[in-house]
Structures are given as structure tokens and as C-alpha cells.
Amino acid sequence: MYVLRNPAGRLYVGFTTDLERRLQQHQNGESRWTRGRGPWELVQVETFTHRVEALRRERALKGGKHNQELRKRYG
């Protein structure tokens, strides 16, 4: 699970099994939501043993109280 930030302060939360490849996709404009909004800086990485845990954490960070905490920290 990872969090990216662009120069305008926008955040992107995602998960992947190959962080290097995914970061390249974001930087090269190959990801729909992040295209044209970069360059992106990796600001947080969390690792999980199971995919379901990473998805649960990603969902939590995309909304509610956890999202507000992220925005205070990085926004």
C-alpha cells in the first residue's frame, strides 16, 4: 500500500505487488487518475503479508478519519 503526493498537494492512495513498476506507471502517465497531475512523490509505504489486508488499509485511507489524517500530514 502506498501514498503519492504531487506538487499541488494532491494525494493518491493505492496498492500493488510491484511498487517500482507501479511508480513508473504513475510517472509516465499510464495511470488514468494520476495522468497529467504529476510528478508524483512517494510519501508513505506500508507492507502487508496478505492482499486483503492491503486492500482494507487502502480503503480506510481513502475515506473518513484516516483520510483527514493523511491530508493533515501530507496535504
PDB file of N, CA and C in Angstrom:
ATOM      1  N   MET A   1       0.855  -1.144   0.000  1.00  0.00           N
ATOM      2  CA  MET A   1       0.000   0.000   0.000  1.00  0.00           C
ATOM      3  C   MET A   1       0.907   1.214   0.000  1.00  0.00           C
ATOM      4  N   TYR A   2       0.541   2.224  -0.778  1.00  0.00           N
ATOM      5  CA  TYR A   2       1.407   3.393  -0.891  1.00  0.00           C
ATOM      6  C   TYR A   2       0.594   4.667  -1.028  1.00  0.00           C
ATOM      7  N   VAL A   3       1.243   5.787  -0.710  1.00  0.00           N
ATOM      8  CA  VAL A   3       0.624   7.099  -0.851  1.00  0.00           C
ATOM      9  C   VAL A   3       1.586   7.965  -1.659  1.00  0.00           C
ATOM     10  N   LEU A   4       1.031   8.638  -2.675  1.00  0.00           N
ATOM     11  CA  LEU A   4       1.796   9.571  -3.506  1.00  0.00           C
ATOM     12  C   LEU A   4       1.268  10.982  -3.276  1.00  0.00           C
ATOM     13  N   ARG A   5       2.146  11.960  -3.481  1.00  0.00           N
ATOM     14  CA  ARG A   5       1.746  13.370  -3.398  1.00  0.00           C
ATOM     15  C   ARG A   5       2.338  14.097  -4.592  1.00  0.00           C
ATOM     16  N   ASN A   6       1.569  15.008  -5.165  1.00  0.00           N
ATOM     17  CA  ASN A   6       2.100  15.805  -6.270  1.00  0.00           C
ATOM     18  C   ASN A   6       2.411  17.221  -5.774  1.00  0.00           C
ATOM     19  N   PRO A   7       3.042  18.069  -6.595  1.00  0.00           N
ATOM     20  CA  PRO A   7       3.413  19.417  -6.147  1.00  0.00           C
ATOM     21  C   PRO A   7       2.231  20.271  -5.700  1.00  0.00           C
ATOM     22  N   ALA A   8       1.043  19.999  -6.204  1.00  0.00           N
ATOM     23  CA  ALA A   8      -0.146  20.756  -5.807  1.00  0.00           C
ATOM     24  C   ALA A   8      -0.715  20.275  -4.475  1.00  0.00           C
ATOM     25  N   GLY A   9      -0.131  19.211  -3.916  1.00  0.00           N
ATOM     26  CA  GLY A   9      -0.594  18.689  -2.632  1.00  0.00           C
ATOM     27  C   GLY A   9      -1.669  17.632  -2.742  1.00  0.00           C
ATOM     28  N   ARG A  10      -2.007  17.194  -3.942  1.00  0.00           N
ATOM     29  CA  ARG A  10      -2.999  16.132  -4.110  1.00  0.00           C
ATOM     30  C   ARG A  10      -2.378  14.796  -3.712  1.00  0.00           C
ATOM     31  N   LEU A  11      -3.193  13.945  -3.142  1.00  0.00           N
ATOM     32  CA  LEU A  11      -2.728  12.644  -2.690  1.00  0.00           C
ATOM     33  C   LEU A  11      -3.373  11.538  -3.509  1.00  0.00           C
ATOM     34  N   TYR A  12      -2.634  10.462  -3.683  1.00  0.00           N
ATOM     35  CA  TYR A  12      -3.150   9.269  -4.347  1.00  0.00           C
ATOM     36  C   TYR A  12      -2.788   8.082  -3.473  1.00  0.00           C
ATOM     37  N   VAL A  13      -3.775   7.257  -3.146  1.00  0.00           N
ATOM     38  CA  VAL A  13      -3.577   6.066  -2.325  1.00  0.00           C
ATOM     39  C   VAL A  13      -3.822   4.846  -3.204  1.00  0.00           C
ATOM     40  N   GLY A  14      -2.901   3.895  -3.170  1.00  0.00           N
ATOM     41  CA  GLY A  14      -3.064   2.691  -3.973  1.00  0.00           C
ATOM     42  C   GLY A  14      -2.350   1.512  -3.350  1.00  0.00           C
ATOM     43  N   PHE A  15      -2.485   0.366  -4.007  1.00  0.00           N
ATOM     44  CA  PHE A  15      -1.751  -0.814  -3.552  1.00  0.00           C
ATOM     45  C   PHE A  15      -1.239  -1.554  -4.774  1.00  0.00           C
ATOM     46  N   THR A  16      -0.161  -2.290  -4.581  1.00  0.00           N
ATOM     47  CA  THR A  16       0.447  -3.036  -5.672  1.00  0.00           C
ATOM     48  C   THR A  16       1.340  -4.124  -5.102  1.00  0.00           C
ATOM     49  N   THR A  17       1.661  -5.089  -5.937  1.00  0.00           N
ATOM     50  CA  THR A  17       2.630  -6.104  -5.551  1.00  0.00           C
ATOM     51  C   THR A  17       4.003  -5.779  -6.133  1.00  0.00           C
ATOM     52  N   ASP A  18       4.074  -4.762  -6.997  1.00  0.00           N
ATOM     53  CA  ASP A  18       5.331  -4.350  -7.631  1.00  0.00           C
ATOM     54  C   ASP A  18       5.414  -2.824  -7.609  1.00  0.00           C
ATOM     55  N   LEU A  19       5.944  -2.293  -6.522  1.00  0.00           N
ATOM     56  CA  LEU A  19       5.946  -0.841  -6.304  1.00  0.00           C
ATOM     57  C   LEU A  19       6.751  -0.098  -7.363  1.00  0.00           C
ATOM     58  N   GLU A  20       7.914  -0.581  -7.719  1.00  0.00           N
ATOM     59  CA  GLU A  20       8.737   0.103  -8.730  1.00  0.00           C
ATOM     60  C   GLU A  20       8.001   0.245 -10.058  1.00  0.00           C
ATOM     61  N   ARG A  21       7.388  -0.855 -10.517  1.00  0.00           N
ATOM     62  CA  ARG A  21       6.644  -0.825 -11.777  1.00  0.00           C
ATOM     63  C   ARG A  21       5.473   0.154 -11.686  1.00  0.00           C
ATOM     64  N   ARG A  22       4.761   0.124 -10.571  1.00  0.00           N
ATOM     65  CA  ARG A  22       3.592   0.995 -10.397  1.00  0.00           C
ATOM     66  C   ARG A  22       3.986   2.460 -10.342  1.00  0.00           C
ATOM     67  N   LEU A  23       5.079   2.775  -9.663  1.00  0.00           N
ATOM     68  CA  LEU A  23       5.543   4.167  -9.616  1.00  0.00           C
ATOM     69  C   LEU A  23       5.894   4.663 -11.015  1.00  0.00           C
ATOM     70  N   GLN A  24       6.547   3.815 -11.806  1.00  0.00           N
ATOM     71  CA  GLN A  24       6.864   4.180 -13.189  1.00  0.00           C
ATOM     72  C   GLN A  24       5.596   4.463 -13.981  1.00  0.00           C
ATOM     73  N   GLN A  25       4.569   3.669 -13.780  1.00  0.00           N
ATOM     74  CA  GLN A  25       3.308   3.888 -14.475  1.00  0.00           C
ATOM     75  C   GLN A  25       2.721   5.246 -14.113  1.00  0.00           C
ATOM     76  N   HIS A  26       2.773   5.606 -12.842  1.00  0.00           N
ATOM     77  CA  HIS A  26       2.266   6.916 -12.427  1.00  0.00           C
ATOM     78  C   HIS A  26       3.093   8.036 -13.050  1.00  0.00           C
ATOM     79  N   GLN A  27       4.403   7.925 -13.013  1.00  0.00           N
ATOM     80  CA  GLN A  27       5.279   8.980 -13.543  1.00  0.00           C
ATOM     81  C   GLN A  27       5.166   9.113 -15.061  1.00  0.00           C
ATOM     82  N   ASN A  28       4.900   8.002 -15.756  1.00  0.00           N
ATOM     83  CA  ASN A  28       4.822   8.019 -17.219  1.00  0.00           C
ATOM     84  C   ASN A  28       3.425   8.321 -17.742  1.00  0.00           C
ATOM     85  N   GLY A  29       2.482   8.624 -16.861  1.00  0.00           N
ATOM     86  CA  GLY A  29       1.130   8.945 -17.305  1.00  0.00           C
ATOM     87  C   GLY A  29       0.322   7.739 -17.749  1.00  0.00           C
ATOM     88  N   GLU A  30       0.670   6.560 -17.272  1.00  0.00           N
ATOM     89  CA  GLU A  30      -0.028   5.340 -17.669  1.00  0.00           C
ATOM     90  C   GLU A  30      -1.174   4.979 -16.721  1.00  0.00           C
ATOM     91  N   SER A  31      -1.399   5.787 -15.724  1.00  0.00           N
ATOM     92  CA  SER A  31      -2.477   5.558 -14.770  1.00  0.00           C
ATOM     93  C   SER A  31      -3.504   6.671 -14.946  1.00  0.00           C
ATOM     94  N   ARG A  32      -4.751   6.300 -15.166  1.00  0.00           N
ATOM     95  CA  ARG A  32      -5.769   7.279 -15.549  1.00  0.00           C
ATOM     96  C   ARG A  32      -5.905   8.445 -14.573  1.00  0.00           C
ATOM     97  N   TRP A  33      -6.050   8.182 -13.297  1.00  0.00           N
ATOM     98  CA  TRP A  33      -6.308   9.262 -12.348  1.00  0.00           C
ATOM     99  C   TRP A  33      -5.092  10.163 -12.156  1.00  0.00           C
ATOM    100  N   THR A  34      -3.894   9.607 -12.184  1.00  0.00           N
ATOM    101  CA  THR A  34      -2.702  10.411 -11.919  1.00  0.00           C
ATOM    102  C   THR A  34      -2.116  11.053 -13.174  1.00  0.00           C
ATOM    103  N   ARG A  35      -2.587  10.664 -14.342  1.00  0.00           N
ATOM    104  CA  ARG A  35      -2.073  11.216 -15.608  1.00  0.00           C
ATOM    105  C   ARG A  35      -2.262  12.731 -15.637  1.00  0.00           C
ATOM    106  N   GLY A  36      -1.191  13.429 -15.968  1.00  0.00           N
ATOM    107  CA  GLY A  36      -1.257  14.880 -16.101  1.00  0.00           C
ATOM    108  C   GLY A  36      -1.256  15.641 -14.790  1.00  0.00           C
ATOM    109  N   ARG A  37      -1.134  14.947 -13.688  1.00  0.00           N
ATOM    110  CA  ARG A  37      -1.162  15.607 -12.381  1.00  0.00           C
ATOM    111  C   ARG A  37       0.181  15.510 -11.656  1.00  0.00           C
ATOM    112  N   GLY A  38       1.189  14.905 -12.287  1.00  0.00           N
ATOM    113  CA  GLY A  38       2.481  14.658 -11.650  1.00  0.00           C
ATOM    114  C   GLY A  38       3.411  15.831 -11.797  1.00  0.00           C
ATOM    115  N   PRO A  39       4.631  15.682 -11.417  1.00  0.00           N
ATOM    116  CA  PRO A  39       5.303  14.458 -10.970  1.00  0.00           C
ATOM    117  C   PRO A  39       4.850  14.061  -9.561  1.00  0.00           C
ATOM    118  N   TRP A  40       4.930  12.783  -9.296  1.00  0.00           N
ATOM    119  CA  TRP A  40       4.472  12.224  -8.036  1.00  0.00           C
ATOM    120  C   TRP A  40       5.654  11.849  -7.150  1.00  0.00           C
ATOM    121  N   GLU A  41       5.470  12.105  -5.864  1.00  0.00           N
ATOM    122  CA  GLU A  41       6.489  11.773  -4.861  1.00  0.00           C
ATOM    123  C   GLU A  41       5.903  10.701  -3.940  1.00  0.00           C
ATOM    124  N   LEU A  42       6.649   9.653  -3.704  1.00  0.00           N
ATOM    125  CA  LEU A  42       6.233   8.604  -2.783  1.00  0.00           C
ATOM    126  C   LEU A  42       6.430   9.119  -1.364  1.00  0.00           C
ATOM    127  N   VAL A  43       5.340   9.213  -0.582  1.00  0.00           N
ATOM    128  CA  VAL A  43       5.446   9.764   0.767  1.00  0.00           C
ATOM    129  C   VAL A  43       5.189   8.737   1.870  1.00  0.00           C
ATOM    130  N   GLN A  44       4.575   7.597   1.518  1.00  0.00           N
ATOM    131  CA  GLN A  44       4.307   6.584   2.539  1.00  0.00           C
ATOM    132  C   GLN A  44       4.190   5.220   1.881  1.00  0.00           C
ATOM    133  N   VAL A  45       4.761   4.221   2.531  1.00  0.00           N
ATOM    134  CA  VAL A  45       4.655   2.829   2.070  1.00  0.00           C
ATOM    135  C   VAL A  45       4.352   1.967   3.289  1.00  0.00           C
ATOM    136  N   GLU A  46       3.395   1.066   3.144  1.00  0.00           N
ATOM    137  CA  GLU A  46       3.088   0.086   4.181  1.00  0.00           C
ATOM    138  C   GLU A  46       3.056  -1.276   3.506  1.00  0.00           C
ATOM    139  N   THR A  47       3.666  -2.263   4.134  1.00  0.00           N
ATOM    140  CA  THR A  47       3.675  -3.610   3.556  1.00  0.00           C
ATOM    141  C   THR A  47       2.788  -4.530   4.377  1.00  0.00           C
ATOM    142  N   PHE A  48       2.197  -5.480   3.693  1.00  0.00           N
ATOM    143  CA  PHE A  48       1.280  -6.429   4.317  1.00  0.00           C
ATOM    144  C   PHE A  48       1.589  -7.828   3.811  1.00  0.00           C
ATOM    145  N   THR A  49       1.300  -8.797   4.627  1.00  0.00           N
ATOM    146  CA  THR A  49       1.505 -10.192   4.257  1.00  0.00           C
ATOM    147  C   THR A  49       0.433 -10.670   3.287  1.00  0.00           C
ATOM    148  N   HIS A  50      -0.782 -10.194   3.493  1.00  0.00           N
ATOM    149  CA  HIS A  50      -1.915 -10.649   2.687  1.00  0.00           C
ATOM    150  C   HIS A  50      -2.545  -9.487   1.916  1.00  0.00           C
ATOM    151  N   ARG A  51      -2.925  -9.778   0.684  1.00  0.00           N
ATOM    152  CA  ARG A  51      -3.528  -8.771  -0.195  1.00  0.00           C
ATOM    153  C   ARG A  51      -4.765  -8.133   0.440  1.00  0.00           C
ATOM    154  N   VAL A  52      -5.590  -8.922   1.088  1.00  0.00           N
ATOM    155  CA  VAL A  52      -6.818  -8.415   1.678  1.00  0.00           C
ATOM    156  C   VAL A  52      -6.525  -7.353   2.744  1.00  0.00           C
ATOM    157  N   GLU A  53      -5.430  -7.505   3.472  1.00  0.00           N
ATOM    158  CA  GLU A  53      -5.043  -6.507   4.475  1.00  0.00           C
ATOM    159  C   GLU A  53      -4.680  -5.192   3.809  1.00  0.00           C
ATOM    160  N   ALA A  54      -3.933  -5.275   2.714  1.00  0.00           N
ATOM    161  CA  ALA A  54      -3.542  -4.061   1.980  1.00  0.00           C
ATOM    162  C   ALA A  54      -4.765  -3.354   1.412  1.00  0.00           C
ATOM    163  N   LEU A  55      -5.692  -4.114   0.859  1.00  0.00           N
ATOM    164  CA  LEU A  55      -6.917  -3.519   0.314  1.00  0.00           C
ATOM    165  C   LEU A  55      -7.754  -2.857   1.410  1.00  0.00           C
ATOM    166  N   ARG A  56      -7.821  -3.498   2.554  1.00  0.00           N
ATOM    167  CA  ARG A  56      -8.573  -2.938   3.684  1.00  0.00           C
ATOM    168  C   ARG A  56      -7.954  -1.616   4.128  1.00  0.00           C
ATOM    169  N   ARG A  57      -6.627  -1.576   4.215  1.00  0.00           N
ATOM    170  CA  ARG A  57      -5.932  -0.350   4.630  1.00  0.00           C
ATOM    171  C   ARG A  57      -6.091   0.749   3.577  1.00  0.00           C
ATOM    172  N   GLU A  58      -5.996   0.383   2.301  1.00  0.00           N
ATOM    173  CA  GLU A  58      -6.183   1.353   1.228  1.00  0.00           C
ATOM    174  C   GLU A  58      -7.577   1.979   1.324  1.00  0.00           C
ATOM    175  N   ARG A  59      -8.586   1.148   1.496  1.00  0.00           N
ATOM    176  CA  ARG A  59      -9.958   1.636   1.619  1.00  0.00           C
ATOM    177  C   ARG A  59     -10.105   2.576   2.817  1.00  0.00           C
ATOM    178  N   ALA A  60      -9.481   2.226   3.931  1.00  0.00           N
ATOM    179  CA  ALA A  60      -9.570   3.057   5.136  1.00  0.00           C
ATOM    180  C   ALA A  60      -8.931   4.422   4.900  1.00  0.00           C
ATOM    181  N   LEU A  61      -7.807   4.451   4.191  1.00  0.00           N
ATOM    182  CA  LEU A  61      -7.113   5.720   3.961  1.00  0.00           C
ATOM    183  C   LEU A  61      -7.814   6.598   2.931  1.00  0.00           C
ATOM    184  N   LYS A  62      -8.667   6.017   2.110  1.00  0.00           N
ATOM    185  CA  LYS A  62      -9.357   6.788   1.078  1.00  0.00           C
ATOM    186  C   LYS A  62     -10.583   7.513   1.620  1.00  0.00           C
ATOM    187  N   GLY A  63     -10.984   7.228   2.829  1.00  0.00           N
ATOM    188  CA  GLY A  63     -12.180   7.882   3.343  1.00  0.00           C
ATOM    189  C   GLY A  63     -12.143   8.088   4.832  1.00  0.00           C
ATOM    190  N   GLY A  64     -13.020   8.949   5.293  1.00  0.00           N
ATOM    191  CA  GLY A  64     -13.243   9.145   6.718  1.00  0.00           C
ATOM    192  C   GLY A  64     -12.077   9.746   7.480  1.00  0.00           C
ATOM    193  N   LYS A  65     -11.976   9.350   8.734  1.00  0.00           N
ATOM    194  CA  LYS A  65     -10.998   9.899   9.664  1.00  0.00           C
ATOM    195  C   LYS A  65      -9.563   9.686   9.193  1.00  0.00           C
ATOM    196  N   HIS A  66      -9.271   8.515   8.651  1.00  0.00           N
ATOM    197  CA  HIS A  66      -7.913   8.219   8.205  1.00  0.00           C
ATOM    198  C   HIS A  66      -7.509   9.123   7.043  1.00  0.00           C
ATOM    199  N   ASN A  67      -8.455   9.433   6.164  1.00  0.00           N
ATOM    200  CA  ASN A  67      -8.163  10.306   5.035  1.00  0.00           C
ATOM    201  C   ASN A  67      -7.856  11.718   5.531  1.00  0.00           C
ATOM    202  N   GLN A  68      -8.580  12.182   6.507  1.00  0.00           N
ATOM    203  CA  GLN A  68      -8.324  13.510   7.076  1.00  0.00           C
ATOM    204  C   GLN A  68      -6.935  13.575   7.711  1.00  0.00           C
ATOM    205  N   GLU A  69      -6.541  12.503   8.389  1.00  0.00           N
ATOM    206  CA  GLU A  69      -5.207  12.457   8.993  1.00  0.00           C
ATOM    207  C   GLU A  69      -4.119  12.505   7.922  1.00  0.00           C
ATOM    208  N   LEU A  70      -4.332  11.774   6.818  1.00  0.00           N
ATOM    209  CA  LEU A  70      -3.377  11.802   5.698  1.00  0.00           C
ATOM    210  C   LEU A  70      -3.239  13.215   5.142  1.00  0.00           C
ATOM    211  N   ARG A  71      -4.361  13.874   4.952  1.00  0.00           N
ATOM    212  CA  ARG A  71      -4.337  15.230   4.376  1.00  0.00           C
ATOM    213  C   ARG A  71      -3.639  16.224   5.302  1.00  0.00           C
ATOM    214  N   LYS A  72      -3.826  16.059   6.607  1.00  0.00           N
ATOM    215  CA  LYS A  72      -3.121  16.923   7.558  1.00  0.00           C
ATOM    216  C   LYS A  72      -1.609  16.677   7.493  1.00  0.00           C
ATOM    217  N   ARG A  73      -1.222  15.416   7.374  1.00  0.00           N
ATOM    218  CA  ARG A  73       0.185  15.045   7.373  1.00  0.00           C
ATOM    219  C   ARG A  73       0.890  15.443   6.088  1.00  0.00           C
ATOM    220  N   TYR A  74       0.257  15.210   4.937  1.00  0.00           N
ATOM    221  CA  TYR A  74       0.941  15.389   3.668  1.00  0.00           C
ATOM    222  C   TYR A  74       0.354  16.480   2.775  1.00  0.00           C
ATOM    223  N   GLY A  75      -0.850  16.912   3.026  1.00  0.00           N
ATOM    224  CA  GLY A  75      -1.528  17.840   2.119  1.00  0.00           C
ATOM    225  C   GLY A  75      -1.123  19.235   2.205  1.00  0.00           C
TER     226      GLY A  75
END
